[in-house]
N, C-alpha and C. Protein backbone atom coordinates (compact mmCIF):
# COMPACT_ATOMS: atom_id res chain seq x y z
N ARG A 1 69.69 100.61 69.60
CA ARG A 1 69.39 102.01 69.43
C ARG A 1 68.13 102.36 70.20
N PHE A 2 68.07 103.52 70.80
CA PHE A 2 66.91 104.02 71.55
C PHE A 2 66.62 103.17 72.79
N ARG A 3 67.62 102.48 73.32
CA ARG A 3 67.44 101.71 74.54
C ARG A 3 67.59 102.62 75.76
N ARG A 4 67.09 102.16 76.88
CA ARG A 4 67.26 102.86 78.15
C ARG A 4 68.74 102.82 78.52
N LEU A 5 69.23 103.93 79.03
CA LEU A 5 70.63 103.97 79.47
C LEU A 5 70.73 103.42 80.89
N PRO A 6 71.78 102.68 81.19
CA PRO A 6 71.94 102.18 82.56
C PRO A 6 72.30 103.33 83.50
N HIS A 7 71.67 103.36 84.64
CA HIS A 7 71.94 104.38 85.66
C HIS A 7 73.02 103.84 86.59
N PRO A 8 73.94 104.70 87.05
CA PRO A 8 75.01 104.23 87.94
C PRO A 8 74.50 103.56 89.22
N GLN A 9 73.30 103.91 89.66
CA GLN A 9 72.75 103.34 90.89
C GLN A 9 71.48 102.54 90.61
N ASP A 10 71.45 101.81 89.49
CA ASP A 10 70.28 101.00 89.15
C ASP A 10 69.92 100.05 90.28
N ALA A 11 68.64 100.00 90.58
CA ALA A 11 68.13 99.06 91.59
C ALA A 11 67.20 98.04 90.92
N ILE A 12 67.38 97.86 89.63
CA ILE A 12 66.48 97.01 88.86
C ILE A 12 66.54 95.55 89.33
N ASP A 13 67.74 95.02 89.52
CA ASP A 13 67.85 93.62 89.92
C ASP A 13 67.21 93.37 91.28
N ALA A 14 67.43 94.27 92.23
CA ALA A 14 66.83 94.11 93.56
C ALA A 14 65.31 94.18 93.49
N SER A 15 64.80 95.10 92.71
CA SER A 15 63.36 95.23 92.59
C SER A 15 62.75 94.02 91.88
N TRP A 16 63.46 93.46 90.89
CA TRP A 16 62.99 92.28 90.19
C TRP A 16 62.96 91.06 91.13
N ARG A 17 64.01 90.90 91.92
CA ARG A 17 64.03 89.78 92.88
C ARG A 17 62.87 89.87 93.86
N ALA A 18 62.58 91.08 94.33
CA ALA A 18 61.46 91.28 95.26
C ALA A 18 60.13 90.95 94.57
N ALA A 19 59.98 91.35 93.33
CA ALA A 19 58.74 91.07 92.60
C ALA A 19 58.57 89.57 92.38
N LEU A 20 59.67 88.87 92.07
CA LEU A 20 59.60 87.42 91.86
C LEU A 20 59.27 86.68 93.15
N GLU A 21 59.76 87.19 94.28
CA GLU A 21 59.45 86.56 95.56
C GLU A 21 57.96 86.62 95.86
N SER A 22 57.31 87.70 95.47
CA SER A 22 55.88 87.83 95.74
C SER A 22 55.02 87.22 94.63
N ASN A 23 55.60 87.00 93.45
CA ASN A 23 54.84 86.42 92.35
C ASN A 23 55.80 85.67 91.43
N GLY A 24 55.95 84.37 91.65
CA GLY A 24 56.88 83.54 90.89
C GLY A 24 56.47 83.33 89.44
N ARG A 25 55.29 83.78 89.04
CA ARG A 25 54.83 83.61 87.66
C ARG A 25 55.31 84.73 86.73
N LEU A 26 55.95 85.74 87.28
CA LEU A 26 56.43 86.85 86.44
C LEU A 26 57.55 86.38 85.52
N PHE A 27 57.65 87.00 84.36
CA PHE A 27 58.78 86.76 83.47
C PHE A 27 59.14 88.06 82.78
N ASP A 28 60.38 88.15 82.38
CA ASP A 28 60.91 89.38 81.78
C ASP A 28 60.67 89.38 80.28
N GLY A 29 59.43 89.63 79.89
CA GLY A 29 59.09 89.68 78.47
C GLY A 29 59.55 90.97 77.82
N SER A 30 59.80 90.91 76.53
CA SER A 30 60.21 92.09 75.76
C SER A 30 59.04 93.06 75.63
N LYS A 31 59.36 94.34 75.69
CA LYS A 31 58.38 95.41 75.51
C LYS A 31 59.03 96.46 74.60
N PHE A 32 58.17 97.18 73.89
CA PHE A 32 58.69 98.33 73.15
C PHE A 32 58.84 99.50 74.11
N ARG A 33 59.84 100.32 73.86
CA ARG A 33 60.14 101.48 74.70
C ARG A 33 59.92 102.74 73.89
N LEU A 34 59.13 103.65 74.45
CA LEU A 34 58.93 104.94 73.80
C LEU A 34 60.12 105.83 74.15
N ALA A 35 61.00 106.03 73.18
CA ALA A 35 62.22 106.82 73.41
C ALA A 35 61.98 108.30 73.14
N ALA A 36 61.16 108.63 72.14
CA ALA A 36 60.93 110.03 71.80
C ALA A 36 59.73 110.16 70.87
N LEU A 37 59.15 111.34 70.90
CA LEU A 37 58.06 111.73 69.99
C LEU A 37 58.52 112.96 69.22
N ALA A 38 58.14 113.04 67.99
CA ALA A 38 58.45 114.23 67.21
C ALA A 38 57.33 114.47 66.22
N CYS A 39 57.10 115.71 65.89
CA CYS A 39 56.11 116.07 64.88
C CYS A 39 56.89 116.52 63.65
N ALA A 40 56.57 115.93 62.51
CA ALA A 40 57.27 116.26 61.27
C ALA A 40 56.27 116.85 60.29
N ASP A 41 56.63 118.00 59.71
CA ASP A 41 55.77 118.63 58.70
C ASP A 41 56.15 118.06 57.34
N GLU A 42 55.22 117.36 56.73
CA GLU A 42 55.48 116.70 55.45
C GLU A 42 55.03 117.54 54.26
N GLY A 43 54.65 118.78 54.47
CA GLY A 43 54.17 119.60 53.39
C GLY A 43 52.68 119.42 53.16
N ASP A 44 52.22 118.19 53.13
CA ASP A 44 50.78 117.92 52.95
C ASP A 44 50.10 117.65 54.30
N GLY A 45 50.80 117.92 55.36
CA GLY A 45 50.25 117.72 56.70
C GLY A 45 51.32 117.24 57.65
N ALA A 46 51.00 117.30 58.90
CA ALA A 46 51.96 116.87 59.91
C ALA A 46 51.83 115.38 60.16
N ARG A 47 52.92 114.78 60.60
CA ARG A 47 52.84 113.38 61.00
C ARG A 47 53.60 113.22 62.30
N LEU A 48 53.13 112.29 63.10
CA LEU A 48 53.74 111.98 64.38
C LEU A 48 54.79 110.90 64.17
N VAL A 49 55.99 111.15 64.65
CA VAL A 49 57.08 110.19 64.53
C VAL A 49 57.37 109.63 65.92
N LEU A 50 57.29 108.32 66.06
CA LEU A 50 57.61 107.64 67.30
C LEU A 50 58.98 107.00 67.16
N ARG A 51 59.85 107.27 68.10
CA ARG A 51 61.15 106.60 68.12
C ARG A 51 61.05 105.52 69.19
N LEU A 52 61.12 104.27 68.76
CA LEU A 52 60.93 103.14 69.65
C LEU A 52 62.22 102.36 69.82
N GLY A 53 62.42 101.89 71.02
CA GLY A 53 63.53 101.00 71.33
C GLY A 53 62.97 99.76 71.99
N MET A 54 63.84 98.99 72.57
CA MET A 54 63.42 97.78 73.27
C MET A 54 63.71 97.93 74.77
N THR A 55 62.85 97.34 75.55
CA THR A 55 63.03 97.27 77.00
C THR A 55 62.41 95.95 77.42
N GLY A 56 62.27 95.76 78.70
CA GLY A 56 61.66 94.53 79.20
C GLY A 56 60.84 94.81 80.44
N TYR A 57 60.09 93.82 80.83
CA TYR A 57 59.21 93.96 82.00
C TYR A 57 60.03 94.20 83.26
N LYS A 58 61.19 93.56 83.35
CA LYS A 58 62.08 93.75 84.50
C LYS A 58 62.52 95.21 84.62
N GLU A 59 62.95 95.80 83.50
CA GLU A 59 63.37 97.21 83.51
C GLU A 59 62.19 98.12 83.84
N TYR A 60 61.01 97.78 83.32
CA TYR A 60 59.81 98.58 83.61
C TYR A 60 59.51 98.59 85.10
N LEU A 61 59.54 97.42 85.73
CA LEU A 61 59.25 97.36 87.17
C LEU A 61 60.31 98.10 87.97
N GLY A 62 61.57 98.03 87.53
CA GLY A 62 62.67 98.64 88.27
C GLY A 62 62.85 100.12 88.04
N THR A 63 62.14 100.70 87.07
CA THR A 63 62.29 102.13 86.81
C THR A 63 60.93 102.84 86.90
N ASN A 64 60.07 102.63 85.94
CA ASN A 64 58.78 103.34 85.91
C ASN A 64 57.86 102.97 87.06
N GLN A 65 57.99 101.76 87.60
CA GLN A 65 57.15 101.34 88.72
C GLN A 65 57.89 101.42 90.05
N ALA A 66 59.07 102.02 90.06
CA ALA A 66 59.83 102.21 91.29
C ALA A 66 59.11 103.24 92.17
N PRO A 67 59.47 103.30 93.44
CA PRO A 67 58.89 104.34 94.30
C PRO A 67 59.10 105.74 93.71
N ARG A 68 58.17 106.63 94.01
CA ARG A 68 58.15 107.97 93.42
C ARG A 68 59.49 108.70 93.53
N GLU A 69 60.11 108.68 94.70
CA GLU A 69 61.39 109.37 94.89
C GLU A 69 62.45 108.85 93.93
N GLN A 70 62.48 107.55 93.76
CA GLN A 70 63.47 106.95 92.85
C GLN A 70 63.19 107.33 91.40
N ARG A 71 61.92 107.32 91.00
CA ARG A 71 61.56 107.73 89.63
C ARG A 71 61.96 109.18 89.37
N LEU A 72 61.69 110.04 90.34
CA LEU A 72 62.04 111.46 90.18
C LEU A 72 63.54 111.64 90.08
N ARG A 73 64.31 110.85 90.86
CA ARG A 73 65.77 110.95 90.80
C ARG A 73 66.27 110.47 89.43
N LEU A 74 65.71 109.37 88.92
CA LEU A 74 66.10 108.88 87.60
C LEU A 74 65.81 109.92 86.52
N ALA A 75 64.64 110.55 86.59
CA ALA A 75 64.27 111.57 85.60
C ALA A 75 65.18 112.78 85.71
N ALA A 76 65.44 113.24 86.93
CA ALA A 76 66.32 114.41 87.12
C ALA A 76 67.74 114.11 86.64
N ASP A 77 68.25 112.93 86.95
CA ASP A 77 69.59 112.56 86.51
C ASP A 77 69.65 112.44 84.98
N GLY A 78 68.61 111.89 84.37
CA GLY A 78 68.57 111.79 82.92
C GLY A 78 68.60 113.16 82.26
N GLU A 79 67.82 114.08 82.81
CA GLU A 79 67.79 115.45 82.27
C GLU A 79 69.15 116.12 82.45
N ARG A 80 69.73 115.98 83.63
CA ARG A 80 71.00 116.64 83.94
C ARG A 80 72.16 116.05 83.12
N LEU A 81 72.21 114.73 82.99
CA LEU A 81 73.35 114.09 82.34
C LEU A 81 73.20 113.93 80.82
N HIS A 82 71.95 113.81 80.35
CA HIS A 82 71.74 113.52 78.93
C HIS A 82 70.74 114.43 78.23
N GLY A 83 70.18 115.41 78.96
CA GLY A 83 69.18 116.29 78.37
C GLY A 83 67.89 115.56 78.03
N ASP A 84 67.64 114.44 78.72
CA ASP A 84 66.48 113.60 78.44
C ASP A 84 66.00 112.98 79.75
N ALA A 85 64.86 113.46 80.24
CA ALA A 85 64.34 112.96 81.52
C ALA A 85 64.00 111.47 81.46
N GLY A 86 63.80 110.92 80.27
CA GLY A 86 63.47 109.51 80.14
C GLY A 86 64.67 108.61 79.87
N ALA A 87 65.86 109.15 79.88
CA ALA A 87 67.05 108.37 79.51
C ALA A 87 67.23 107.12 80.36
N PHE A 88 66.92 107.21 81.66
CA PHE A 88 67.13 106.08 82.57
C PHE A 88 65.85 105.31 82.86
N LEU A 89 64.75 105.68 82.23
CA LEU A 89 63.46 105.03 82.46
C LEU A 89 63.15 104.05 81.34
N SER A 90 62.42 103.00 81.68
CA SER A 90 62.02 102.00 80.70
C SER A 90 61.03 102.58 79.69
N ASN A 91 60.04 103.31 80.18
CA ASN A 91 58.98 103.88 79.35
C ASN A 91 58.37 102.85 78.40
N ALA A 92 58.04 101.68 78.98
CA ALA A 92 57.42 100.61 78.20
C ALA A 92 56.12 101.12 77.60
N LEU A 93 55.90 100.76 76.36
CA LEU A 93 54.75 101.24 75.62
C LEU A 93 53.70 100.14 75.55
N GLY A 94 52.51 100.45 76.01
CA GLY A 94 51.40 99.51 75.91
C GLY A 94 50.59 99.79 74.66
N CYS A 95 49.94 98.79 74.18
CA CYS A 95 49.13 98.95 72.98
C CYS A 95 47.79 98.27 73.22
N GLU A 96 46.74 98.98 73.03
CA GLU A 96 45.39 98.45 73.22
C GLU A 96 44.59 98.66 71.95
N THR A 97 43.53 97.90 71.81
CA THR A 97 42.67 98.04 70.66
C THR A 97 41.23 97.72 71.05
N VAL A 98 40.31 98.16 70.27
CA VAL A 98 38.90 97.78 70.43
C VAL A 98 38.53 97.03 69.16
N LEU A 99 38.15 95.78 69.33
CA LEU A 99 37.78 94.95 68.19
C LEU A 99 36.26 94.85 68.14
N VAL A 100 35.69 95.40 67.08
CA VAL A 100 34.24 95.32 66.87
C VAL A 100 34.00 94.22 65.84
N THR A 101 33.20 93.23 66.22
CA THR A 101 32.91 92.10 65.32
C THR A 101 31.89 92.50 64.27
N ALA A 102 31.73 91.65 63.26
CA ALA A 102 30.80 91.91 62.17
C ALA A 102 29.36 92.07 62.66
N ASP A 103 29.04 91.43 63.78
CA ASP A 103 27.67 91.53 64.31
C ASP A 103 27.54 92.65 65.35
N GLY A 104 28.52 93.56 65.41
CA GLY A 104 28.41 94.73 66.28
C GLY A 104 28.80 94.50 67.73
N GLN A 105 29.35 93.34 68.05
CA GLN A 105 29.80 93.06 69.42
C GLN A 105 31.24 93.54 69.59
N ILE A 106 31.65 93.67 70.84
CA ILE A 106 33.02 94.08 71.13
C ILE A 106 33.72 92.94 71.86
N ALA A 107 34.90 92.57 71.37
CA ALA A 107 35.70 91.54 72.02
C ALA A 107 36.58 92.20 73.08
N LEU A 108 36.53 91.66 74.28
CA LEU A 108 37.33 92.20 75.39
C LEU A 108 38.36 91.17 75.83
N LEU A 109 39.47 91.65 76.32
CA LEU A 109 40.53 90.81 76.86
C LEU A 109 40.69 91.18 78.32
N ARG A 110 40.73 90.19 79.18
CA ARG A 110 40.92 90.45 80.60
C ARG A 110 42.39 90.24 80.94
N ARG A 111 42.98 91.24 81.58
CA ARG A 111 44.37 91.14 81.99
C ARG A 111 44.50 90.16 83.15
N SER A 112 45.53 89.38 83.12
CA SER A 112 45.76 88.39 84.17
C SER A 112 45.91 89.05 85.53
N SER A 113 45.49 88.39 86.55
CA SER A 113 45.70 88.90 87.91
C SER A 113 47.09 88.48 88.43
N ALA A 114 47.83 87.68 87.64
CA ALA A 114 49.14 87.20 88.05
C ALA A 114 50.27 88.11 87.55
N VAL A 115 49.96 89.37 87.25
CA VAL A 115 50.98 90.32 86.81
C VAL A 115 51.37 91.21 87.99
N ALA A 116 52.45 91.93 87.85
CA ALA A 116 52.94 92.76 88.96
C ALA A 116 52.17 94.08 89.11
N THR A 117 51.62 94.60 88.01
CA THR A 117 50.92 95.87 88.06
C THR A 117 49.63 95.81 87.26
N HIS A 118 48.64 96.50 87.70
CA HIS A 118 47.38 96.67 86.97
C HIS A 118 46.71 95.34 86.59
N GLY A 119 46.73 94.38 87.48
CA GLY A 119 46.16 93.06 87.20
C GLY A 119 44.65 93.06 87.21
N GLY A 120 44.09 92.06 86.52
CA GLY A 120 42.65 91.80 86.57
C GLY A 120 41.86 92.48 85.52
């Protein structure tokens, strides 16, 4: 449920092969997919509802990190065919945190430089 829909002209496999050729350390790890956002009025206040599905790093590279023209075509086709511009996109959801220790220090995590996007 809430998974990315396959596009008739998916180029995900070709883009994944190209990424692996330039960086053999990549792997197709599971990621959460942001399928939709909604605001619900609970009477005592509003709450944000996130509809999450599953995707993977391979789908993310082949859709959201595809060249701009391809991303725009995927979004336009999703809107036209399904009323949802994100229907054919991975929309992988990242999660970050700031950890403050008991002594007032902040723990930082450095992203690996061996990733396909936003390394280091």
